[in-house]
Amino acid sequence: MVSKFIKYSIYLWMVAGANSIFAQHNEVVERIAEPGSYESVYKRYYVLADAADVQDGFYREISEKDILLLEGTYANGRKTGKWLRFFNNESEQIKETLEFFDEKFEAEQIAYSNTGNTLETGKFKCDSKGNLLFKIGEWRYFKQNELLEKVENFDAGGNKNGDQIFYDAKGKVDKIEIYSANSLVKTKDKFDFQKEQLLDFNSKLENAKPDFSNIYKAEVAPILKEAKTFGKLEKSETNFLTGERILEKMQTVHAALMRFTDEEKVLTEQYLAVRDKYINAYSPIFLTEIKRIMDIDIPEYKRLESITERTVKGLSLITKLNEFNVQFGKLRTMDSQIEKLANI
């Protein structure tokens, strides 16, 4: 096995060219004891020839078994770019990435498990040399199965601020701690959080009533009635599961209503596209077949009370408009060919 020191030296020699890096830098190799281990680690880096305390260029840490542990780059004494930390084995598997954003004095970290799953993500505030000072913004921590374990929020000064969310084994919210300037203000359990979600979706579904009055009466109103009754029950695991089922119904219905909103736009846009493209050339066909979709089929689609029926009808209409577009294209091609034959 060729030593990584030798390989990197060859690489540096190749990229340096006539203006060799060794003419401007001095190489430094340090032997340090790995904390909690009898194994030594070798630090290899470069300093400016005229400033021995200013690191510049490649930085690497390699074990005495020739395993690469850490690599990154310094620019005039400051950590820059992406730094990679590896597991102490021969796989060269990444354990952690740390990417520096010089203009913001920030660094973004992603940590991985030995199976390659993401364990945590977040940002640090850095000093002028790239040393990590404190956490900022949102930090996410994951279990080995990549389900969320915890979410922390920090302000620009590194203080816990806002919601600190803890998740159970299934990835559901278990507890929320609310902080202000690093001080705990309030704690909400999963029951409180569930109640907030139910109220939020209740409001969203009520707001959708004017646009979906038929569906609201048939499918939304019964769910809201069920939610209102549930709100009077005491906190218990059994009732919590009931609340989760109601919440899932509300989320499903709301997602369907939002999908129908987008679907109506798509239907109108596709209809207008076909009309503008072919109405002049094929007016009789357009008036007898395509116009029916806008005058009859789409209003009928909007009157449907069942989410399932409306979903099926909407997809059918979109497919039909796409097919008409294709058929008109073939018809135009055929007309062009006939016209050429007629002119022979």
C-alpha atoms as a PDB file:
ATOM      1  CA  MET A   1       0.000   0.000   0.000  1.00  0.00           C
ATOM      2  CA  VAL A   2       1.421   3.347  -1.076  1.00  0.00           C
ATOM      3  CA  SER A   3       1.522   5.778   1.814  1.00  0.00           C
ATOM      4  CA  LYS A   4      -1.011   8.627   1.647  1.00  0.00           C
ATOM      5  CA  PHE A   5       1.839  11.006   2.474  1.00  0.00           C
ATOM      6  CA  ILE A   6       3.629   9.915  -0.718  1.00  0.00           C
ATOM      7  CA  LYS A   7       0.471  10.064  -2.853  1.00  0.00           C
ATOM      8  CA  TYR A   8      -0.419  13.571  -1.696  1.00  0.00           C
ATOM      9  CA  SER A   9       3.151  14.751  -2.167  1.00  0.00           C
ATOM     10  CA  ILE A  10       3.051  13.570  -5.782  1.00  0.00           C
ATOM     11  CA  TYR A  11      -0.286  15.344  -6.257  1.00  0.00           C
ATOM     12  CA  LEU A  12       1.058  18.601  -4.822  1.00  0.00           C
ATOM     13  CA  TRP A  13       4.132  18.345  -7.005  1.00  0.00           C
ATOM     14  CA  MET A  14       1.941  17.886 -10.104  1.00  0.00           C
ATOM     15  CA  VAL A  15      -0.340  20.858  -9.416  1.00  0.00           C
ATOM     16  CA  ALA A  16       2.415  23.168  -8.310  1.00  0.00           C
ATOM     17  CA  GLY A  17       4.257  23.173 -11.645  1.00  0.00           C
ATOM     18  CA  ALA A  18       7.120  25.571 -12.121  1.00  0.00           C
ATOM     19  CA  ASN A  19       5.999  27.768  -9.221  1.00  0.00           C
ATOM     20  CA  SER A  20       6.363  24.959  -6.727  1.00  0.00           C
ATOM     21  CA  ILE A  21       4.309  25.219  -3.569  1.00  0.00           C
ATOM     22  CA  PHE A  22       7.420  24.310  -1.611  1.00  0.00           C
ATOM     23  CA  ALA A  23       9.037  27.565  -2.701  1.00  0.00           C
ATOM     24  CA  GLN A  24       6.287  29.554  -0.988  1.00  0.00           C
ATOM     25  CA  HIS A  25       5.379  27.217   1.865  1.00  0.00           C
ATOM     26  CA  ASN A  26       7.017  25.122   4.517  1.00  0.00           C
ATOM     27  CA  GLU A  27       5.665  21.666   5.246  1.00  0.00           C
ATOM     28  CA  VAL A  28       4.895  20.739   8.852  1.00  0.00           C
ATOM     29  CA  VAL A  29       4.324  17.230  10.199  1.00  0.00           C
ATOM     30  CA  GLU A  30       3.220  16.791  13.810  1.00  0.00           C
ATOM     31  CA  ARG A  31       2.716  13.583  15.766  1.00  0.00           C
ATOM     32  CA  ILE A  32      -0.101  13.782  18.308  1.00  0.00           C
ATOM     33  CA  ALA A  33      -1.760  11.249  20.605  1.00  0.00           C
ATOM     34  CA  GLU A  34      -5.350  10.425  19.675  1.00  0.00           C
ATOM     35  CA  PRO A  35      -7.576  11.150  22.733  1.00  0.00           C
ATOM     36  CA  GLY A  36      -8.653   7.907  24.418  1.00  0.00           C
ATOM     37  CA  SER A  37      -6.438   5.800  22.193  1.00  0.00           C
ATOM     38  CA  TYR A  38      -2.867   4.486  22.163  1.00  0.00           C
ATOM     39  CA  GLU A  39      -2.702   5.175  18.444  1.00  0.00           C
ATOM     40  CA  SER A  40      -0.891   8.254  17.220  1.00  0.00           C
ATOM     41  CA  VAL A  41      -2.150  10.647  14.573  1.00  0.00           C
ATOM     42  CA  TYR A  42       0.028  12.616  12.188  1.00  0.00           C
ATOM     43  CA  LYS A  43      -1.004  16.134  11.253  1.00  0.00           C
ATOM     44  CA  ARG A  44       0.394  17.323   7.947  1.00  0.00           C
ATOM     45  CA  TYR A  45      -0.080  20.899   6.774  1.00  0.00           C
ATOM     46  CA  TYR A  46       1.673  23.863   5.204  1.00  0.00           C
ATOM     47  CA  VAL A  47       2.547  27.293   6.501  1.00  0.00           C
ATOM     48  CA  LEU A  48       3.640  30.370   4.631  1.00  0.00           C
ATOM     49  CA  ALA A  49       7.402  30.514   4.208  1.00  0.00           C
ATOM     50  CA  ASP A  50       7.507  34.035   5.624  1.00  0.00           C
ATOM     51  CA  ALA A  51       4.921  33.439   8.377  1.00  0.00           C
ATOM     52  CA  ALA A  52       5.374  30.161  10.237  1.00  0.00           C
ATOM     53  CA  ASP A  53       2.170  30.610  12.266  1.00  0.00           C
ATOM     54  CA  VAL A  54      -0.102  31.038   9.212  1.00  0.00           C
ATOM     55  CA  GLN A  55      -1.428  27.789   7.740  1.00  0.00           C
ATOM     56  CA  ASP A  56      -2.125  27.865   4.010  1.00  0.00           C
ATOM     57  CA  GLY A  57      -3.082  25.026   1.677  1.00  0.00           C
ATOM     58  CA  PHE A  58      -3.905  21.378   2.334  1.00  0.00           C
ATOM     59  CA  TYR A  59      -4.386  20.032   5.849  1.00  0.00           C
ATOM     60  CA  ARG A  60      -4.633  16.327   6.664  1.00  0.00           C
ATOM     61  CA  GLU A  61      -4.663  14.037   9.650  1.00  0.00           C
ATOM     62  CA  ILE A  62      -3.568  10.436   9.051  1.00  0.00           C
ATOM     63  CA  SER A  63      -3.306   7.590  11.549  1.00  0.00           C
ATOM     64  CA  GLU A  64      -0.120   5.638  12.092  1.00  0.00           C
ATOM     65  CA  LYS A  65      -1.852   2.832  10.179  1.00  0.00           C
ATOM     66  CA  ASP A  66      -1.966   5.177   7.164  1.00  0.00           C
ATOM     67  CA  ILE A  67      -5.727   5.780   7.407  1.00  0.00           C
ATOM     68  CA  LEU A  68      -6.968   9.211   6.370  1.00  0.00           C
ATOM     69  CA  LEU A  69      -8.979  10.755   9.223  1.00  0.00           C
ATOM     70  CA  LEU A  70      -9.449  14.395   8.274  1.00  0.00           C
ATOM     71  CA  GLU A  71      -8.749  16.634   5.293  1.00  0.00           C
ATOM     72  CA  GLY A  72      -9.447  20.241   4.453  1.00  0.00           C
ATOM     73  CA  THR A  73      -7.912  23.474   3.262  1.00  0.00           C
ATOM     74  CA  TYR A  74      -6.585  26.644   4.848  1.00  0.00           C
ATOM     75  CA  ALA A  75      -6.429  29.982   3.051  1.00  0.00           C
ATOM     76  CA  ASN A  76      -4.102  32.460   4.694  1.00  0.00           C
ATOM     77  CA  GLY A  77      -4.680  31.051   8.176  1.00  0.00           C
ATOM     78  CA  ARG A  78      -8.406  30.424   7.818  1.00  0.00           C
ATOM     79  CA  LYS A  79     -10.314  27.181   7.274  1.00  0.00           C
ATOM     80  CA  THR A  80     -12.178  27.310   3.967  1.00  0.00           C
ATOM     81  CA  GLY A  81     -14.187  25.135   1.612  1.00  0.00           C
ATOM     82  CA  LYS A  82     -15.383  21.655   2.541  1.00  0.00           C
ATOM     83  CA  TRP A  83     -13.658  19.632   5.258  1.00  0.00           C
ATOM     84  CA  LEU A  84     -14.160  15.885   5.508  1.00  0.00           C
ATOM     85  CA  ARG A  85     -13.773  13.674   8.559  1.00  0.00           C
ATOM     86  CA  PHE A  86     -13.569   9.896   8.013  1.00  0.00           C
ATOM     87  CA  PHE A  87     -14.202   6.814  10.126  1.00  0.00           C
ATOM     88  CA  ASN A  88     -11.023   5.248  11.465  1.00  0.00           C
ATOM     89  CA  ASN A  89     -11.014   2.309   9.069  1.00  0.00           C
ATOM     90  CA  GLU A  90      -9.809   1.593   5.552  1.00  0.00           C
ATOM     91  CA  SER A  91     -13.160   2.243   3.862  1.00  0.00           C
ATOM     92  CA  GLU A  92     -12.559   6.026   3.560  1.00  0.00           C
ATOM     93  CA  GLN A  93     -16.219   6.405   4.548  1.00  0.00           C
ATOM     94  CA  ILE A  94     -17.216   9.945   5.454  1.00  0.00           C
ATOM     95  CA  LYS A  95     -18.172  10.504   9.084  1.00  0.00           C
ATOM     96  CA  GLU A  96     -18.749  14.238   8.914  1.00  0.00           C
ATOM     97  CA  THR A  97     -18.654  17.110   6.427  1.00  0.00           C
ATOM     98  CA  LEU A  98     -18.067  20.702   7.439  1.00  0.00           C
ATOM     99  CA  GLU A  99     -18.460  23.353   4.749  1.00  0.00           C
ATOM    100  CA  PHE A 100     -17.249  26.875   5.497  1.00  0.00           C
ATOM    101  CA  PHE A 101     -18.952  29.982   4.122  1.00  0.00           C
ATOM    102  CA  ASP A 102     -16.255  32.589   4.555  1.00  0.00           C
ATOM    103  CA  GLU A 103     -18.321  35.699   3.846  1.00  0.00           C
ATOM    104  CA  LYS A 104     -20.892  34.734   6.513  1.00  0.00           C
ATOM    105  CA  PHE A 105     -18.433  33.378   9.111  1.00  0.00           C
ATOM    106  CA  GLU A 106     -20.543  30.205   9.173  1.00  0.00           C
ATOM    107  CA  ALA A 107     -20.001  26.481   8.681  1.00  0.00           C
ATOM    108  CA  GLU A 108     -22.582  23.845   7.843  1.00  0.00           C
ATOM    109  CA  GLN A 109     -22.144  20.387   9.337  1.00  0.00           C
ATOM    110  CA  ILE A 110     -23.595  17.023   8.316  1.00  0.00           C
ATOM    111  CA  ALA A 111     -22.758  13.965  10.436  1.00  0.00           C
ATOM    112  CA  TYR A 112     -23.259  10.381   9.258  1.00  0.00           C
ATOM    113  CA  SER A 113     -23.507   6.956  10.864  1.00  0.00           C
ATOM    114  CA  ASN A 114     -21.221   4.099   9.831  1.00  0.00           C
ATOM    115  CA  THR A 115     -24.079   2.851   7.633  1.00  0.00           C
ATOM    116  CA  GLY A 116     -24.227   6.137   5.737  1.00  0.00           C
ATOM    117  CA  ASN A 117     -27.425   7.501   7.296  1.00  0.00           C
ATOM    118  CA  THR A 118     -27.615  11.172   8.256  1.00  0.00           C
ATOM    119  CA  LEU A 119     -27.397  11.690  12.030  1.00  0.00           C
ATOM    120  CA  GLU A 120     -27.380  15.472  12.370  1.00  0.00           C
ATOM    121  CA  THR A 121     -27.386  18.660  10.316  1.00  0.00           C
ATOM    122  CA  GLY A 122     -26.929  22.298  11.278  1.00  0.00           C
ATOM    123  CA  LYS A 123     -24.758  25.424  11.191  1.00  0.00           C
ATOM    124  CA  PHE A 124     -22.072  26.932  13.392  1.00  0.00           C
ATOM    125  CA  LYS A 125     -20.925  30.497  13.775  1.00  0.00           C
ATOM    126  CA  CYS A 126     -17.162  30.748  13.236  1.00  0.00           C
ATOM    127  CA  ASP A 127     -14.409  33.168  14.142  1.00  0.00           C
ATOM    128  CA  SER A 128     -12.032  34.763  11.635  1.00  0.00           C
ATOM    129  CA  LYS A 129      -9.890  31.593  11.502  1.00  0.00           C
ATOM    130  CA  GLY A 130     -12.775  29.192  10.953  1.00  0.00           C
ATOM    131  CA  ASN A 131     -12.860  27.890  14.528  1.00  0.00           C
ATOM    132  CA  LEU A 132     -16.363  26.809  15.524  1.00  0.00           C
ATOM    133  CA  LEU A 133     -17.919  29.099  18.130  1.00  0.00           C
ATOM    134  CA  PHE A 134     -21.542  28.045  18.693  1.00  0.00           C
ATOM    135  CA  LYS A 135     -24.598  26.576  16.972  1.00  0.00           C
ATOM    136  CA  ILE A 136     -26.994  28.841  15.061  1.00  0.00           C
ATOM    137  CA  GLY A 137     -30.294  28.353  13.248  1.00  0.00           C
ATOM    138  CA  GLU A 138     -32.046  25.009  13.029  1.00  0.00           C
ATOM    139  CA  TRP A 139     -30.327  21.777  14.008  1.00  0.00           C
ATOM    140  CA  ARG A 140     -31.825  18.399  13.177  1.00  0.00           C
ATOM    141  CA  TYR A 141     -30.886  15.119  14.866  1.00  0.00           C
ATOM    142  CA  PHE A 142     -31.892  11.743  13.486  1.00  0.00           C
ATOM    143  CA  LYS A 143     -32.116   8.192  14.771  1.00  0.00           C
ATOM    144  CA  GLN A 144     -30.233   5.364  13.060  1.00  0.00           C
ATOM    145  CA  ASN A 145     -33.334   4.697  10.942  1.00  0.00           C
ATOM    146  CA  GLU A 146     -33.288   8.390   9.839  1.00  0.00           C
ATOM    147  CA  LEU A 147     -36.502   9.264  11.690  1.00  0.00           C
ATOM    148  CA  LEU A 148     -36.291  12.615  13.458  1.00  0.00           C
ATOM    149  CA  GLU A 149     -35.169  12.458  17.071  1.00  0.00           C
ATOM    150  CA  LYS A 150     -34.917  16.144  17.919  1.00  0.00           C
ATOM    151  CA  VAL A 151     -35.005  19.621  16.352  1.00  0.00           C
ATOM    152  CA  GLU A 152     -33.235  22.522  18.068  1.00  0.00           C
ATOM    153  CA  ASN A 153     -33.427  26.201  17.172  1.00  0.00           C
ATOM    154  CA  PHE A 154     -30.783  28.799  18.034  1.00  0.00           C
ATOM    155  CA  ASP A 155     -30.642  32.547  17.514  1.00  0.00           C
ATOM    156  CA  ALA A 156     -27.741  34.426  15.910  1.00  0.00           C
ATOM    157  CA  GLY A 157     -25.944  34.556  19.266  1.00  0.00           C
ATOM    158  CA  GLY A 158     -26.078  30.822  19.896  1.00  0.00           C
ATOM    159  CA  ASN A 159     -28.928  30.923  22.418  1.00  0.00           C
ATOM    160  CA  LYS A 160     -31.744  28.405  22.292  1.00  0.00           C
ATOM    161  CA  ASN A 161     -34.743  30.254  20.918  1.00  0.00           C
ATOM    162  CA  GLY A 162     -38.192  29.121  19.830  1.00  0.00           C
ATOM    163  CA  ASP A 163     -39.374  25.532  19.566  1.00  0.00           C
ATOM    164  CA  GLN A 164     -37.142  22.643  20.640  1.00  0.00           C
ATOM    165  CA  ILE A 165     -39.006  19.582  19.383  1.00  0.00           C
ATOM    166  CA  PHE A 166     -38.578  16.013  20.620  1.00  0.00           C
ATOM    167  CA  TYR A 167     -39.899  12.992  18.698  1.00  0.00           C
ATOM    168  CA  ASP A 168     -40.931   9.515  19.788  1.00  0.00           C
ATOM    169  CA  ALA A 169     -39.776   6.184  18.341  1.00  0.00           C
ATOM    170  CA  LYS A 170     -42.249   6.500  15.453  1.00  0.00           C
ATOM    171  CA  GLY A 171     -41.096   9.995  14.472  1.00  0.00           C
ATOM    172  CA  LYS A 172     -44.158  11.715  15.961  1.00  0.00           C
ATOM    173  CA  VAL A 173     -43.885  14.851  18.093  1.00  0.00           C
ATOM    174  CA  ASP A 174     -43.614  13.840  21.753  1.00  0.00           C
ATOM    175  CA  LYS A 175     -42.780  17.144  23.452  1.00  0.00           C
ATOM    176  CA  ILE A 176     -42.017  20.767  22.588  1.00  0.00           C
ATOM    177  CA  GLU A 177     -39.953  23.063  24.773  1.00  0.00           C
ATOM    178  CA  ILE A 178     -40.269  26.761  23.964  1.00  0.00           C
ATOM    179  CA  TYR A 179     -37.207  28.901  24.724  1.00  0.00           C
ATOM    180  CA  SER A 180     -36.516  32.618  24.684  1.00  0.00           C
ATOM    181  CA  ALA A 181     -32.891  33.787  24.904  1.00  0.00           C
ATOM    182  CA  ASN A 182     -31.784  30.415  26.330  1.00  0.00           C
ATOM    183  CA  SER A 183     -34.506  30.343  28.994  1.00  0.00           C
ATOM    184  CA  LEU A 184     -37.278  27.758  29.036  1.00  0.00           C
ATOM    185  CA  VAL A 185     -40.612  29.569  28.790  1.00  0.00           C
ATOM    186  CA  LYS A 186     -43.136  26.812  28.229  1.00  0.00           C
ATOM    187  CA  THR A 187     -43.403  23.079  27.647  1.00  0.00           C
ATOM    188  CA  LYS A 188     -46.057  21.495  25.449  1.00  0.00           C
ATOM    189  CA  ASP A 189     -46.707  17.772  25.438  1.00  0.00           C
ATOM    190  CA  LYS A 190     -47.908  15.737  22.466  1.00  0.00           C
ATOM    191  CA  PHE A 191     -51.545  16.314  23.465  1.00  0.00           C
ATOM    192  CA  ASP A 192     -51.127  20.107  23.315  1.00  0.00           C
ATOM    193  CA  PHE A 193     -49.363  19.837  19.955  1.00  0.00           C
ATOM    194  CA  GLN A 194     -52.081  17.571  18.579  1.00  0.00           C
ATOM    195  CA  LYS A 195     -54.752  20.041  19.677  1.00  0.00           C
ATOM    196  CA  GLU A 196     -52.936  22.872  17.860  1.00  0.00           C
ATOM    197  CA  GLN A 197     -52.749  20.792  14.671  1.00  0.00           C
ATOM    198  CA  LEU A 198     -56.441  19.926  14.865  1.00  0.00           C
ATOM    199  CA  LEU A 199     -57.362  23.602  15.289  1.00  0.00           C
ATOM    200  CA  ASP A 200     -55.064  24.575  12.407  1.00  0.00           C
ATOM    201  CA  PHE A 201     -56.600  22.086   9.972  1.00  0.00           C
ATOM    202  CA  ASN A 202     -60.088  22.942  11.215  1.00  0.00           C
ATOM    203  CA  SER A 203     -59.415  26.545  10.184  1.00  0.00           C
ATOM    204  CA  LYS A 204     -57.979  25.513   6.788  1.00  0.00           C
ATOM    205  CA  LEU A 205     -60.978  23.317   5.993  1.00  0.00           C
ATOM    206  CA  GLU A 206     -63.446  26.022   7.070  1.00  0.00           C
ATOM    207  CA  ASN A 207     -61.685  28.482   4.757  1.00  0.00           C
ATOM    208  CA  ALA A 208     -62.065  26.049   1.849  1.00  0.00           C
ATOM    209  CA  LYS A 209     -65.844  25.838   2.302  1.00  0.00           C
ATOM    210  CA  PRO A 210     -66.813  28.558  -0.258  1.00  0.00           C
ATOM    211  CA  ASP A 211     -64.836  26.894  -3.066  1.00  0.00           C
ATOM    212  CA  PHE A 212     -65.853  23.304  -2.284  1.00  0.00           C
ATOM    213  CA  SER A 213     -69.354  23.584  -0.826  1.00  0.00           C
ATOM    214  CA  ASN A 214     -70.535  20.225  -2.223  1.00  0.00           C
ATOM    215  CA  ILE A 215     -67.566  18.267  -0.898  1.00  0.00           C
ATOM    216  CA  TYR A 216     -67.649  20.235   2.356  1.00  0.00           C
ATOM    217  CA  LYS A 217     -71.215  19.181   3.110  1.00  0.00           C
ATOM    218  CA  ALA A 218     -70.666  15.519   2.188  1.00  0.00           C
ATOM    219  CA  GLU A 219     -67.165  14.797   3.514  1.00  0.00           C
ATOM    220  CA  VAL A 220     -65.655  17.715   5.446  1.00  0.00           C
ATOM    221  CA  ALA A 221     -68.468  18.636   7.837  1.00  0.00           C
ATOM    222  CA  PRO A 222     -68.685  15.142   9.414  1.00  0.00           C
ATOM    223  CA  ILE A 223     -64.943  15.184  10.174  1.00  0.00           C
ATOM    224  CA  LEU A 224     -65.135  18.645  11.753  1.00  0.00           C
ATOM    225  CA  LYS A 225     -68.052  17.483  13.876  1.00  0.00           C
ATOM    226  CA  GLU A 226     -65.991  14.504  15.013  1.00  0.00           C
ATOM    227  CA  ALA A 227     -63.081  16.801  15.863  1.00  0.00           C
ATOM    228  CA  LYS A 228     -65.331  19.086  17.898  1.00  0.00           C
ATOM    229  CA  THR A 229     -66.564  16.145  19.966  1.00  0.00           C
ATOM    230  CA  PHE A 230     -63.005  14.897  20.445  1.00  0.00           C
ATOM    231  CA  GLY A 231     -61.928  18.301  21.794  1.00  0.00           C
ATOM    232  CA  LYS A 232     -64.032  17.737  24.891  1.00  0.00           C
ATOM    233  CA  LEU A 233     -62.295  14.490  25.856  1.00  0.00           C
ATOM    234  CA  GLU A 234     -59.606  14.252  28.546  1.00  0.00           C
ATOM    235  CA  LYS A 235     -55.959  13.473  27.872  1.00  0.00           C
ATOM    236  CA  SER A 236     -55.227   9.767  27.548  1.00  0.00           C
ATOM    237  CA  GLU A 237     -53.272   7.486  25.241  1.00  0.00           C
ATOM    238  CA  THR A 238     -56.507   6.022  23.865  1.00  0.00           C
ATOM    239  CA  ASN A 239     -57.918   9.458  23.116  1.00  0.00           C
ATOM    240  CA  PHE A 240     -54.592  10.543  21.654  1.00  0.00           C
ATOM    241  CA  LEU A 241     -54.804   7.732  19.091  1.00  0.00           C
ATOM    242  CA  THR A 242     -58.355   8.802  18.291  1.00  0.00           C
ATOM    243  CA  GLY A 243     -57.088  12.329  17.742  1.00  0.00           C
ATOM    244  CA  GLU A 244     -54.377  11.045  15.401  1.00  0.00           C
ATOM    245  CA  ARG A 245     -56.976   9.264  13.272  1.00  0.00           C
ATOM    246  CA  ILE A 246     -59.109  12.410  13.063  1.00  0.00           C
ATOM    247  CA  LEU A 247     -56.051  14.503  12.221  1.00  0.00           C
ATOM    248  CA  GLU A 248     -55.070  12.074   9.467  1.00  0.00           C
ATOM    249  CA  LYS A 249     -58.562  12.385   7.965  1.00  0.00           C
ATOM    250  CA  MET A 250     -58.339  16.177   8.054  1.00  0.00           C
ATOM    251  CA  GLN A 251     -54.886  16.183   6.451  1.00  0.00           C
ATOM    252  CA  THR A 252     -56.033  13.799   3.713  1.00  0.00           C
ATOM    253  CA  VAL A 253     -59.124  15.855   2.885  1.00  0.00           C
ATOM    254  CA  HIS A 254     -57.180  19.134   2.928  1.00  0.00           C
ATOM    255  CA  ALA A 255     -54.522  17.696   0.603  1.00  0.00           C
ATOM    256  CA  ALA A 256     -57.274  16.568  -1.776  1.00  0.00           C
ATOM    257  CA  LEU A 257     -58.868  20.043  -1.814  1.00  0.00           C
ATOM    258  CA  MET A 258     -55.513  21.663  -2.551  1.00  0.00           C
ATOM    259  CA  ARG A 259     -54.966  19.130  -5.332  1.00  0.00           C
ATOM    260  CA  PHE A 260     -58.377  19.964  -6.817  1.00  0.00           C
ATOM    261  CA  THR A 261     -57.459  23.660  -6.820  1.00  0.00           C
ATOM    262  CA  ASP A 262     -54.343  22.907  -8.861  1.00  0.00           C
ATOM    263  CA  GLU A 263     -56.264  20.447 -11.031  1.00  0.00           C
ATOM    264  CA  GLU A 264     -58.841  23.068 -12.027  1.00  0.00           C
ATOM    265  CA  LYS A 265     -56.034  25.388 -13.139  1.00  0.00           C
ATOM    266  CA  VAL A 266     -54.451  22.601 -15.191  1.00  0.00           C
ATOM    267  CA  LEU A 267     -57.779  21.774 -16.866  1.00  0.00           C
ATOM    268  CA  THR A 268     -58.408  25.397 -17.783  1.00  0.00           C
ATOM    269  CA  GLU A 269     -54.849  25.926 -19.056  1.00  0.00           C
ATOM    270  CA  GLN A 270     -54.913  22.751 -21.171  1.00  0.00           C
ATOM    271  CA  TYR A 271     -58.302  23.611 -22.615  1.00  0.00           C
ATOM    272  CA  LEU A 272     -57.159  27.119 -23.586  1.00  0.00           C
ATOM    273  CA  ALA A 273     -53.921  25.751 -25.071  1.00  0.00           C
ATOM    274  CA  VAL A 274     -55.820  23.324 -27.320  1.00  0.00           C
ATOM    275  CA  ARG A 275     -58.393  25.963 -28.230  1.00  0.00           C
ATOM    276  CA  ASP A 276     -55.876  28.646 -29.192  1.00  0.00           C
ATOM    277  CA  LYS A 277     -53.814  26.206 -31.211  1.00  0.00           C
ATOM    278  CA  TYR A 278     -56.505  24.487 -33.254  1.00  0.00           C
ATOM    279  CA  ILE A 279     -59.827  26.374 -33.154  1.00  0.00           C
ATOM    280  CA  ASN A 280     -59.246  28.283 -36.402  1.00  0.00           C
ATOM    281  CA  ALA A 281     -58.184  25.248 -38.416  1.00  0.00           C
ATOM    282  CA  TYR A 282     -60.669  22.774 -36.945  1.00  0.00           C
ATOM    283  CA  SER A 283     -63.584  24.854 -35.722  1.00  0.00           C
ATOM    284  CA  PRO A 284     -66.362  22.262 -36.367  1.00  0.00           C
ATOM    285  CA  ILE A 285     -64.507  19.507 -34.517  1.00  0.00           C
ATOM    286  CA  PHE A 286     -63.582  21.863 -31.725  1.00  0.00           C
ATOM    287  CA  LEU A 287     -67.127  23.076 -31.205  1.00  0.00           C
ATOM    288  CA  THR A 288     -68.638  19.584 -31.147  1.00  0.00           C
ATOM    289  CA  GLU A 289     -66.039  17.709 -29.090  1.00  0.00           C
ATOM    290  CA  ILE A 290     -63.630  19.943 -27.183  1.00  0.00           C
ATOM    291  CA  LYS A 291     -66.031  22.688 -26.131  1.00  0.00           C
ATOM    292  CA  ARG A 292     -68.159  20.057 -24.411  1.00  0.00           C
ATOM    293  CA  ILE A 293     -65.379  19.561 -21.869  1.00  0.00           C
ATOM    294  CA  MET A 294     -65.492  23.182 -20.750  1.00  0.00           C
ATOM    295  CA  ASP A 295     -69.265  23.646 -20.982  1.00  0.00           C
ATOM    296  CA  ILE A 296     -70.442  20.319 -19.565  1.00  0.00           C
ATOM    297  CA  ASP A 297     -67.711  18.042 -18.213  1.00  0.00           C
ATOM    298  CA  ILE A 298     -65.807  20.532 -16.024  1.00  0.00           C
ATOM    299  CA  PRO A 299     -68.964  22.008 -14.368  1.00  0.00           C
ATOM    300  CA  GLU A 300     -70.108  18.444 -13.724  1.00  0.00           C
ATOM    301  CA  TYR A 301     -66.689  17.675 -12.224  1.00  0.00           C
ATOM    302  CA  LYS A 302     -67.018  20.655  -9.864  1.00  0.00           C
ATOM    303  CA  ARG A 303     -70.455  19.522  -8.651  1.00  0.00           C
ATOM    304  CA  LEU A 304     -69.262  16.112  -7.491  1.00  0.00           C
ATOM    305  CA  GLU A 305     -69.565  15.585  -3.715  1.00  0.00           C
ATOM    306  CA  SER A 306     -67.201  12.614  -3.400  1.00  0.00           C
ATOM    307  CA  ILE A 307     -63.441  13.177  -3.211  1.00  0.00           C
ATOM    308  CA  THR A 308     -62.840   9.780  -4.803  1.00  0.00           C
ATOM    309  CA  GLU A 309     -65.222  10.442  -7.709  1.00  0.00           C
ATOM    310  CA  ARG A 310     -63.817  13.914  -8.282  1.00  0.00           C
ATOM    311  CA  THR A 311     -60.249  12.579  -8.305  1.00  0.00           C
ATOM    312  CA  VAL A 312     -61.129   9.967 -10.937  1.00  0.00           C
ATOM    313  CA  LYS A 313     -63.095  12.480 -13.042  1.00  0.00           C
ATOM    314  CA  GLY A 314     -60.308  15.078 -12.915  1.00  0.00           C
ATOM    315  CA  LEU A 315     -57.639  12.633 -14.074  1.00  0.00           C
ATOM    316  CA  SER A 316     -59.973  11.440 -16.830  1.00  0.00           C
ATOM    317  CA  LEU A 317     -60.513  14.989 -18.123  1.00  0.00           C
ATOM    318  CA  ILE A 318     -56.800  15.807 -18.082  1.00  0.00           C
ATOM    319  CA  THR A 319     -56.089  12.592 -19.997  1.00  0.00           C
ATOM    320  CA  LYS A 320     -58.847  13.403 -22.494  1.00  0.00           C
ATOM    321  CA  LEU A 321     -57.478  16.900 -23.182  1.00  0.00           C
ATOM    322  CA  ASN A 322     -53.981  15.482 -23.660  1.00  0.00           C
ATOM    323  CA  GLU A 323     -55.348  12.919 -26.103  1.00  0.00           C
ATOM    324  CA  PHE A 324     -57.203  15.608 -28.069  1.00  0.00           C
ATOM    325  CA  ASN A 325     -53.971  17.601 -28.307  1.00  0.00           C
ATOM    326  CA  VAL A 326     -52.148  14.580 -29.712  1.00  0.00           C
ATOM    327  CA  GLN A 327     -54.980  13.774 -32.144  1.00  0.00           C
ATOM    328  CA  PHE A 328     -55.123  17.344 -33.439  1.00  0.00           C
ATOM    329  CA  GLY A 329     -51.361  17.206 -33.986  1.00  0.00           C
ATOM    330  CA  LYS A 330     -51.706  14.027 -36.038  1.00  0.00           C
ATOM    331  CA  LEU A 331     -54.589  15.585 -37.949  1.00  0.00           C
ATOM    332  CA  ARG A 332     -52.489  18.636 -38.789  1.00  0.00           C
ATOM    333  CA  THR A 333     -49.657  16.391 -40.024  1.00  0.00           C
ATOM    334  CA  MET A 334     -52.068  14.400 -42.158  1.00  0.00           C
ATOM    335  CA  ASP A 335     -53.571  17.552 -43.665  1.00  0.00           C
ATOM    336  CA  SER A 336     -50.083  18.771 -44.526  1.00  0.00           C
ATOM    337  CA  GLN A 337     -49.255  15.495 -46.276  1.00  0.00           C
ATOM    338  CA  ILE A 338     -52.540  15.549 -48.236  1.00  0.00           C
ATOM    339  CA  GLU A 339     -51.836  19.126 -49.288  1.00  0.00           C
ATOM    340  CA  LYS A 340     -48.404  18.133 -50.604  1.00  0.00           C
ATOM    341  CA  LEU A 341     -49.866  15.204 -52.553  1.00  0.00           C
ATOM    342  CA  ALA A 342     -52.542  17.457 -54.056  1.00  0.00           C
ATOM    343  CA  ASN A 343     -49.855  19.821 -55.361  1.00  0.00           C
ATOM    344  CA  ILE A 344     -47.868  17.089 -57.151  1.00  0.00           C
END
